[in-house]
């Protein structure tokens, strides 16, 4: 079983406070932060699996976990994560 390490993930997009009238931009910013954290967690999981002798590619891992590649902005053709904020 994998051991879990509690770590603070710093998101490049998270840093400003919410103000009235900025709900959609704030939601987009938070979604970008979530995607960035998800991408980091998936990459770390893949590395840990490989370290245990269970090599797997990211597309296979996403299928196994039931995660839509578009949700975490994974390009299955280029086999890489795209920027989490959609740029």
PDB file of N, CA and C in Angstrom:
ATOM      1  N   UNK A   1       0.845  -1.179   0.000  1.00  0.00           N
ATOM      2  CA  UNK A   1       0.000   0.000   0.000  1.00  0.00           C
ATOM      3  C   UNK A   1       0.890   1.242   0.000  1.00  0.00           C
ATOM      4  N   UNK A   2       0.470   2.233  -0.747  1.00  0.00           N
ATOM      5  CA  UNK A   2       1.243   3.468  -0.825  1.00  0.00           C
ATOM      6  C   UNK A   2       1.113   4.253   0.466  1.00  0.00           C
ATOM      7  N   UNK A   3       2.203   4.842   0.888  1.00  0.00           N
ATOM      8  CA  UNK A   3       2.134   5.724   2.052  1.00  0.00           C
ATOM      9  C   UNK A   3       1.847   7.137   1.563  1.00  0.00           C
ATOM     10  N   UNK A   4       1.039   7.839   2.276  1.00  0.00           N
ATOM     11  CA  UNK A   4       0.646   9.178   1.872  1.00  0.00           C
ATOM     12  C   UNK A   4       1.413  10.210   2.681  1.00  0.00           C
ATOM     13  N   UNK A   5       1.872  11.226   1.997  1.00  0.00           N
ATOM     14  CA  UNK A   5       2.615  12.299   2.636  1.00  0.00           C
ATOM     15  C   UNK A   5       1.777  13.557   2.531  1.00  0.00           C
ATOM     16  N   UNK A   6       1.481  14.159   3.669  1.00  0.00           N
ATOM     17  CA  UNK A   6       0.717  15.403   3.666  1.00  0.00           C
ATOM     18  C   UNK A   6       1.664  16.526   3.286  1.00  0.00           C
ATOM     19  N   UNK A   7       1.342  17.195   2.200  1.00  0.00           N
ATOM     20  CA  UNK A   7       2.193  18.238   1.672  1.00  0.00           C
ATOM     21  C   UNK A   7       1.341  19.394   1.188  1.00  0.00           C
ATOM     22  N   UNK A   8       1.833  20.552   1.340  1.00  0.00           N
ATOM     23  CA  UNK A   8       1.137  21.713   0.808  1.00  0.00           C
ATOM     24  C   UNK A   8       1.583  21.907  -0.631  1.00  0.00           C
ATOM     25  N   UNK A   9       0.606  22.017  -1.531  1.00  0.00           N
ATOM     26  CA  UNK A   9       0.894  22.249  -2.936  1.00  0.00           C
ATOM     27  C   UNK A   9       0.643  23.706  -3.239  1.00  0.00           C
ATOM     28  N   UNK A  10       1.656  24.379  -3.710  1.00  0.00           N
ATOM     29  CA  UNK A  10       1.497  25.782  -4.063  1.00  0.00           C
ATOM     30  C   UNK A  10       1.050  25.881  -5.511  1.00  0.00           C
ATOM     31  N   UNK A  11      -0.031  26.551  -5.728  1.00  0.00           N
ATOM     32  CA  UNK A  11      -0.581  26.734  -7.064  1.00  0.00           C
ATOM     33  C   UNK A  11      -0.212  28.126  -7.559  1.00  0.00           C
ATOM     34  N   UNK A  12       0.293  28.165  -8.770  1.00  0.00           N
ATOM     35  CA  UNK A  12       0.664  29.469  -9.353  1.00  0.00           C
ATOM     36  C   UNK A  12      -0.553  30.376  -9.494  1.00  0.00           C
ATOM     37  N   UNK A  13      -1.741  29.770  -9.665  1.00  0.00           N
ATOM     38  CA  UNK A  13      -2.947  30.548  -9.915  1.00  0.00           C
ATOM     39  C   UNK A  13      -3.640  31.015  -8.646  1.00  0.00           C
ATOM     40  N   UNK A  14      -3.312  30.418  -7.496  1.00  0.00           N
ATOM     41  CA  UNK A  14      -3.996  30.743  -6.238  1.00  0.00           C
ATOM     42  C   UNK A  14      -3.203  31.795  -5.474  1.00  0.00           C
ATOM     43  N   UNK A  15      -3.788  32.921  -5.269  1.00  0.00           N
ATOM     44  CA  UNK A  15      -3.062  33.935  -4.529  1.00  0.00           C
ATOM     45  C   UNK A  15      -3.875  35.170  -4.245  1.00  0.00           C
ATOM     46  N   UNK A  16      -4.944  35.359  -4.975  1.00  0.00           N
ATOM     47  CA  UNK A  16      -5.737  36.556  -4.754  1.00  0.00           C
ATOM     48  C   UNK A  16      -7.020  36.218  -4.009  1.00  0.00           C
ATOM     49  N   UNK A  17      -7.614  37.222  -3.372  1.00  0.00           N
ATOM     50  CA  UNK A  17      -8.851  36.995  -2.645  1.00  0.00           C
ATOM     51  C   UNK A  17     -10.046  37.264  -3.555  1.00  0.00           C
ATOM     52  N   UNK A  18     -11.165  36.674  -3.182  1.00  0.00           N
ATOM     53  CA  UNK A  18     -12.395  36.833  -3.958  1.00  0.00           C
ATOM     54  C   UNK A  18     -13.047  38.172  -3.634  1.00  0.00           C
ATOM     55  N   UNK A  19     -13.522  38.849  -4.661  1.00  0.00           N
ATOM     56  CA  UNK A  19     -14.278  40.074  -4.452  1.00  0.00           C
ATOM     57  C   UNK A  19     -15.638  39.920  -5.116  1.00  0.00           C
ATOM     58  N   UNK A  20     -16.601  40.679  -4.663  1.00  0.00           N
ATOM     59  CA  UNK A  20     -17.942  40.622  -5.225  1.00  0.00           C
ATOM     60  C   UNK A  20     -17.894  40.949  -6.711  1.00  0.00           C
ATOM     61  N   UNK A  21     -18.647  40.188  -7.506  1.00  0.00           N
ATOM     62  CA  UNK A  21     -18.686  40.410  -8.943  1.00  0.00           C
ATOM     63  C   UNK A  21     -17.617  39.649  -9.697  1.00  0.00           C
ATOM     64  N   UNK A  22     -16.804  38.869  -9.004  1.00  0.00           N
ATOM     65  CA  UNK A  22     -15.732  38.114  -9.656  1.00  0.00           C
ATOM     66  C   UNK A  22     -15.898  36.614  -9.443  1.00  0.00           C
ATOM     67  N   UNK A  23     -17.133  36.158  -9.342  1.00  0.00           N
ATOM     68  CA  UNK A  23     -17.374  34.751  -9.032  1.00  0.00           C
ATOM     69  C   UNK A  23     -16.885  33.846 -10.158  1.00  0.00           C
ATOM     70  N   UNK A  24     -17.215  34.132 -11.411  1.00  0.00           N
ATOM     71  CA  UNK A  24     -16.775  33.266 -12.507  1.00  0.00           C
ATOM     72  C   UNK A  24     -15.260  33.262 -12.676  1.00  0.00           C
ATOM     73  N   UNK A  25     -14.603  34.417 -12.653  1.00  0.00           N
ATOM     74  CA  UNK A  25     -13.139  34.368 -12.726  1.00  0.00           C
ATOM     75  C   UNK A  25     -12.527  33.614 -11.546  1.00  0.00           C
ATOM     76  N   UNK A  26     -13.120  33.760 -10.383  1.00  0.00           N
ATOM     77  CA  UNK A  26     -12.614  33.049  -9.202  1.00  0.00           C
ATOM     78  C   UNK A  26     -12.801  31.541  -9.376  1.00  0.00           C
ATOM     79  N   UNK A  27     -13.947  31.143  -9.908  1.00  0.00           N
ATOM     80  CA  UNK A  27     -14.199  29.728 -10.155  1.00  0.00           C
ATOM     81  C   UNK A  27     -13.204  29.168 -11.175  1.00  0.00           C
ATOM     82  N   UNK A  28     -12.931  29.930 -12.215  1.00  0.00           N
ATOM     83  CA  UNK A  28     -11.949  29.507 -13.222  1.00  0.00           C
ATOM     84  C   UNK A  28     -10.565  29.377 -12.596  1.00  0.00           C
ATOM     85  N   UNK A  29     -10.211  30.295 -11.724  1.00  0.00           N
ATOM     86  CA  UNK A  29      -8.917  30.258 -11.058  1.00  0.00           C
ATOM     87  C   UNK A  29      -8.807  29.035 -10.158  1.00  0.00           C
ATOM     88  N   UNK A  30      -9.858  28.777  -9.395  1.00  0.00           N
ATOM     89  CA  UNK A  30      -9.857  27.625  -8.498  1.00  0.00           C
ATOM     90  C   UNK A  30      -9.854  26.310  -9.270  1.00  0.00           C
ATOM     91  N   UNK A  31     -10.544  26.276 -10.403  1.00  0.00           N
ATOM     92  CA  UNK A  31     -10.527  25.079 -11.252  1.00  0.00           C
ATOM     93  C   UNK A  31      -9.118  24.832 -11.767  1.00  0.00           C
ATOM     94  N   UNK A  32      -8.426  25.896 -12.154  1.00  0.00           N
ATOM     95  CA  UNK A  32      -7.030  25.764 -12.588  1.00  0.00           C
ATOM     96  C   UNK A  32      -6.151  25.227 -11.473  1.00  0.00           C
ATOM     97  N   UNK A  33      -6.388  25.684 -10.250  1.00  0.00           N
ATOM     98  CA  UNK A  33      -5.631  25.182  -9.090  1.00  0.00           C
ATOM     99  C   UNK A  33      -5.920  23.706  -8.861  1.00  0.00           C
ATOM    100  N   UNK A  34      -7.180  23.315  -8.974  1.00  0.00           N
ATOM    101  CA  UNK A  34      -7.546  21.916  -8.800  1.00  0.00           C
ATOM    102  C   UNK A  34      -6.870  21.062  -9.863  1.00  0.00           C
ATOM    103  N   UNK A  35      -6.915  21.517 -11.117  1.00  0.00           N
ATOM    104  CA  UNK A  35      -6.277  20.747 -12.195  1.00  0.00           C
ATOM    105  C   UNK A  35      -4.780  20.605 -11.968  1.00  0.00           C
ATOM    106  N   UNK A  36      -4.142  21.670 -11.542  1.00  0.00           N
ATOM    107  CA  UNK A  36      -2.701  21.615 -11.292  1.00  0.00           C
ATOM    108  C   UNK A  36      -2.385  20.603 -10.200  1.00  0.00           C
ATOM    109  N   UNK A  37      -3.165  20.617  -9.119  1.00  0.00           N
ATOM    110  CA  UNK A  37      -2.944  19.670  -8.025  1.00  0.00           C
ATOM    111  C   UNK A  37      -3.220  18.238  -8.495  1.00  0.00           C
ATOM    112  N   UNK A  38      -4.271  18.056  -9.293  1.00  0.00           N
ATOM    113  CA  UNK A  38      -4.596  16.727  -9.816  1.00  0.00           C
ATOM    114  C   UNK A  38      -3.484  16.215 -10.726  1.00  0.00           C
ATOM    115  N   UNK A  39      -2.956  17.077 -11.592  1.00  0.00           N
ATOM    116  CA  UNK A  39      -1.861  16.681 -12.480  1.00  0.00           C
ATOM    117  C   UNK A  39      -0.635  16.263 -11.678  1.00  0.00           C
ATOM    118  N   UNK A  40      -0.312  17.022 -10.642  1.00  0.00           N
ATOM    119  CA  UNK A  40       0.843  16.681  -9.807  1.00  0.00           C
ATOM    120  C   UNK A  40       0.628  15.356  -9.087  1.00  0.00           C
ATOM    121  N   UNK A  41      -0.563  15.137  -8.570  1.00  0.00           N
ATOM    122  CA  UNK A  41      -0.864  13.898  -7.847  1.00  0.00           C
ATOM    123  C   UNK A  41      -0.812  12.696  -8.791  1.00  0.00           C
ATOM    124  N   UNK A  42      -1.346  12.851  -9.985  1.00  0.00           N
ATOM    125  CA  UNK A  42      -1.322  11.752 -10.958  1.00  0.00           C
ATOM    126  C   UNK A  42       0.101  11.420 -11.380  1.00  0.00           C
ATOM    127  N   UNK A  43       0.911  12.447 -11.606  1.00  0.00           N
ATOM    128  CA  UNK A  43       2.301  12.224 -11.997  1.00  0.00           C
ATOM    129  C   UNK A  43       3.062  11.522 -10.871  1.00  0.00           C
ATOM    130  N   UNK A  44       2.799  11.918  -9.626  1.00  0.00           N
ATOM    131  CA  UNK A  44       3.464  11.282  -8.489  1.00  0.00           C
ATOM    132  C   UNK A  44       3.010   9.835  -8.345  1.00  0.00           C
ATOM    133  N   UNK A  45       1.721   9.573  -8.529  1.00  0.00           N
ATOM    134  CA  UNK A  45       1.214   8.207  -8.454  1.00  0.00           C
ATOM    135  C   UNK A  45       1.861   7.334  -9.529  1.00  0.00           C
ATOM    136  N   UNK A  46       1.968   7.869 -10.730  1.00  0.00           N
ATOM    137  CA  UNK A  46       2.602   7.119 -11.813  1.00  0.00           C
ATOM    138  C   UNK A  46       4.058   6.796 -11.460  1.00  0.00           C
ATOM    139  N   UNK A  47       4.779   7.749 -10.923  1.00  0.00           N
ATOM    140  CA  UNK A  47       6.177   7.525 -10.533  1.00  0.00           C
ATOM    141  C   UNK A  47       6.286   6.460  -9.444  1.00  0.00           C
ATOM    142  N   UNK A  48       5.392   6.500  -8.470  1.00  0.00           N
ATOM    143  CA  UNK A  48       5.431   5.525  -7.381  1.00  0.00           C
ATOM    144  C   UNK A  48       5.109   4.123  -7.885  1.00  0.00           C
ATOM    145  N   UNK A  49       4.161   4.031  -8.818  1.00  0.00           N
ATOM    146  CA  UNK A  49       3.843   2.726  -9.395  1.00  0.00           C
ATOM    147  C   UNK A  49       5.039   2.172 -10.161  1.00  0.00           C
ATOM    148  N   UNK A  50       5.692   3.023 -10.925  1.00  0.00           N
ATOM    149  CA  UNK A  50       6.867   2.597 -11.676  1.00  0.00           C
ATOM    150  C   UNK A  50       7.997   2.182 -10.732  1.00  0.00           C
ATOM    151  N   UNK A  51       8.157   2.868  -9.619  1.00  0.00           N
ATOM    152  CA  UNK A  51       9.190   2.528  -8.649  1.00  0.00           C
ATOM    153  C   UNK A  51       8.932   1.158  -8.023  1.00  0.00           C
ATOM    154  N   UNK A  52       7.682   0.748  -8.014  1.00  0.00           N
ATOM    155  CA  UNK A  52       7.316  -0.569  -7.473  1.00  0.00           C
ATOM    156  C   UNK A  52       7.316  -1.647  -8.552  1.00  0.00           C
ATOM    157  N   UNK A  53       7.814  -1.291  -9.743  1.00  0.00           N
ATOM    158  CA  UNK A  53       7.891  -2.262 -10.827  1.00  0.00           C
ATOM    159  C   UNK A  53       6.600  -2.447 -11.594  1.00  0.00           C
ATOM    160  N   UNK A  54       5.719  -1.472 -11.509  1.00  0.00           N
ATOM    161  CA  UNK A  54       4.446  -1.533 -12.224  1.00  0.00           C
ATOM    162  C   UNK A  54       4.383  -0.410 -13.257  1.00  0.00           C
ATOM    163  N   UNK A  55       5.199  -0.498 -14.308  1.00  0.00           N
ATOM    164  CA  UNK A  55       5.198   0.592 -15.287  1.00  0.00           C
ATOM    165  C   UNK A  55       3.831   0.733 -15.959  1.00  0.00           C
ATOM    166  N   UNK A  56       3.417   1.956 -16.100  1.00  0.00           N
ATOM    167  CA  UNK A  56       2.134   2.242 -16.731  1.00  0.00           C
ATOM    168  C   UNK A  56       2.214   3.622 -17.363  1.00  0.00           C
ATOM    169  N   UNK A  57       1.547   3.780 -18.487  1.00  0.00           N
ATOM    170  CA  UNK A  57       1.519   5.124 -19.064  1.00  0.00           C
ATOM    171  C   UNK A  57       0.331   5.880 -18.479  1.00  0.00           C
ATOM    172  N   UNK A  58       0.358   7.188 -18.595  1.00  0.00           N
ATOM    173  CA  UNK A  58      -0.644   8.031 -17.951  1.00  0.00           C
ATOM    174  C   UNK A  58      -2.044   7.757 -18.495  1.00  0.00           C
ATOM    175  N   UNK A  59      -2.179   7.551 -19.797  1.00  0.00           N
ATOM    176  CA  UNK A  59      -3.503   7.283 -20.370  1.00  0.00           C
ATOM    177  C   UNK A  59      -4.093   6.010 -19.769  1.00  0.00           C
ATOM    178  N   UNK A  60      -3.264   4.993 -19.590  1.00  0.00           N
ATOM    179  CA  UNK A  60      -3.702   3.741 -18.987  1.00  0.00           C
ATOM    180  C   UNK A  60      -4.118   3.973 -17.530  1.00  0.00           C
ATOM    181  N   UNK A  61      -3.345   4.758 -16.807  1.00  0.00           N
ATOM    182  CA  UNK A  61      -3.664   5.063 -15.416  1.00  0.00           C
ATOM    183  C   UNK A  61      -4.989   5.814 -15.313  1.00  0.00           C
ATOM    184  N   UNK A  62      -5.186   6.798 -16.172  1.00  0.00           N
ATOM    185  CA  UNK A  62      -6.438   7.555 -16.156  1.00  0.00           C
ATOM    186  C   UNK A  62      -7.632   6.646 -16.455  1.00  0.00           C
ATOM    187  N   UNK A  63      -7.487   5.750 -17.437  1.00  0.00           N
ATOM    188  CA  UNK A  63      -8.567   4.805 -17.740  1.00  0.00           C
ATOM    189  C   UNK A  63      -8.862   3.922 -16.534  1.00  0.00           C
ATOM    190  N   UNK A  64      -7.801   3.421 -15.903  1.00  0.00           N
ATOM    191  CA  UNK A  64      -7.964   2.549 -14.741  1.00  0.00           C
ATOM    192  C   UNK A  64      -8.703   3.269 -13.606  1.00  0.00           C
ATOM    193  N   UNK A  65      -8.415   4.541 -13.415  1.00  0.00           N
ATOM    194  CA  UNK A  65      -9.050   5.322 -12.351  1.00  0.00           C
ATOM    195  C   UNK A  65     -10.408   5.895 -12.757  1.00  0.00           C
ATOM    196  N   UNK A  66     -10.764   5.760 -14.034  1.00  0.00           N
ATOM    197  CA  UNK A  66     -12.043   6.280 -14.514  1.00  0.00           C
ATOM    198  C   UNK A  66     -12.075   7.792 -14.639  1.00  0.00           C
ATOM    199  N   UNK A  67     -10.914   8.380 -14.922  1.00  0.00           N
ATOM    200  CA  UNK A  67     -10.810   9.837 -15.046  1.00  0.00           C
ATOM    201  C   UNK A  67     -10.771  10.226 -16.517  1.00  0.00           C
ATOM    202  N   UNK A  68     -11.645  11.108 -16.922  1.00  0.00           N
ATOM    203  CA  UNK A  68     -11.651  11.622 -18.285  1.00  0.00           C
ATOM    204  C   UNK A  68     -10.391  12.464 -18.493  1.00  0.00           C
ATOM    205  N   UNK A  69      -9.570  12.138 -19.486  1.00  0.00           N
ATOM    206  CA  UNK A  69      -8.333  12.902 -19.716  1.00  0.00           C
ATOM    207  C   UNK A  69      -8.568  14.405 -19.892  1.00  0.00           C
ATOM    208  N   UNK A  70      -9.712  14.769 -20.478  1.00  0.00           N
ATOM    209  CA  UNK A  70      -9.997  16.195 -20.674  1.00  0.00           C
ATOM    210  C   UNK A  70     -10.200  16.924 -19.348  1.00  0.00           C
ATOM    211  N   UNK A  71     -10.706  16.200 -18.353  1.00  0.00           N
ATOM    212  CA  UNK A  71     -10.965  16.803 -17.054  1.00  0.00           C
ATOM    213  C   UNK A  71      -9.684  17.308 -16.399  1.00  0.00           C
ATOM    214  N   UNK A  72      -8.594  16.562 -16.583  1.00  0.00           N
ATOM    215  CA  UNK A  72      -7.303  16.952 -16.003  1.00  0.00           C
ATOM    216  C   UNK A  72      -6.363  17.509 -17.071  1.00  0.00           C
ATOM    217  N   UNK A  73      -6.917  17.790 -18.251  1.00  0.00           N
ATOM    218  CA  UNK A  73      -6.182  18.376 -19.383  1.00  0.00           C
ATOM    219  C   UNK A  73      -4.961  17.537 -19.777  1.00  0.00           C
ATOM    220  N   UNK A  74      -5.212  16.234 -20.007  1.00  0.00           N
ATOM    221  CA  UNK A  74      -4.157  15.343 -20.474  1.00  0.00           C
ATOM    222  C   UNK A  74      -4.362  15.110 -21.961  1.00  0.00           C
ATOM    223  N   UNK A  75      -3.336  15.372 -22.744  1.00  0.00           N
ATOM    224  CA  UNK A  75      -3.373  15.177 -24.196  1.00  0.00           C
ATOM    225  C   UNK A  75      -2.932  13.748 -24.483  1.00  0.00           C
ATOM    226  N   UNK A  76      -3.886  12.891 -24.869  1.00  0.00           N
ATOM    227  CA  UNK A  76      -3.564  11.486 -25.098  1.00  0.00           C
ATOM    228  C   UNK A  76      -2.700  11.286 -26.341  1.00  0.00           C
ATOM    229  N   UNK A  77      -2.805  12.167 -27.309  1.00  0.00           N
ATOM    230  CA  UNK A  77      -1.962  12.043 -28.507  1.00  0.00           C
ATOM    231  C   UNK A  77      -0.531  12.478 -28.222  1.00  0.00           C
ATOM    232  N   UNK A  78      -0.374  13.602 -27.552  1.00  0.00           N
ATOM    233  CA  UNK A  78       0.962  14.109 -27.229  1.00  0.00           C
ATOM    234  C   UNK A  78       1.530  13.486 -25.975  1.00  0.00           C
ATOM    235  N   UNK A  79       0.703  12.738 -25.251  1.00  0.00           N
ATOM    236  CA  UNK A  79       1.074  12.065 -24.002  1.00  0.00           C
ATOM    237  C   UNK A  79       1.714  13.019 -22.998  1.00  0.00           C
ATOM    238  N   UNK A  80       1.015  14.148 -22.773  1.00  0.00           N
ATOM    239  CA  UNK A  80       1.500  15.126 -21.802  1.00  0.00           C
ATOM    240  C   UNK A  80       0.332  15.908 -21.236  1.00  0.00           C
ATOM    241  N   UNK A  81       0.557  16.476 -20.063  1.00  0.00           N
ATOM    242  CA  UNK A  81      -0.445  17.350 -19.480  1.00  0.00           C
ATOM    243  C   UNK A  81      -0.324  18.723 -20.139  1.00  0.00           C
ATOM    244  N   UNK A  82      -1.473  19.333 -20.372  1.00  0.00           N
ATOM    245  CA  UNK A  82      -1.525  20.692 -20.899  1.00  0.00           C
ATOM    246  C   UNK A  82      -1.574  21.638 -19.707  1.00  0.00           C
ATOM    247  N   UNK A  83      -1.284  22.920 -19.916  1.00  0.00           N
ATOM    248  CA  UNK A  83      -1.353  23.862 -18.787  1.00  0.00           C
ATOM    249  C   UNK A  83      -2.718  23.786 -18.099  1.00  0.00           C
ATOM    250  N   UNK A  84      -2.723  23.733 -16.768  1.00  0.00           N
ATOM    251  CA  UNK A  84      -3.987  23.539 -16.035  1.00  0.00           C
ATOM    252  C   UNK A  84      -4.973  24.681 -16.184  1.00  0.00           C
ATOM    253  N   UNK A  85      -4.482  25.876 -16.488  1.00  0.00           N
ATOM    254  CA  UNK A  85      -5.379  27.029 -16.566  1.00  0.00           C
ATOM    255  C   UNK A  85      -5.973  27.224 -17.940  1.00  0.00           C
ATOM    256  N   UNK A  86      -5.697  26.330 -18.885  1.00  0.00           N
ATOM    257  CA  UNK A  86      -6.319  26.388 -20.189  1.00  0.00           C
ATOM    258  C   UNK A  86      -5.653  27.289 -21.197  1.00  0.00           C
ATOM    259  N   UNK A  87      -4.458  27.787 -20.904  1.00  0.00           N
ATOM    260  CA  UNK A  87      -3.764  28.658 -21.863  1.00  0.00           C
ATOM    261  C   UNK A  87      -2.853  27.850 -22.743  1.00  0.00           C
TER     262      UNK A  87
END
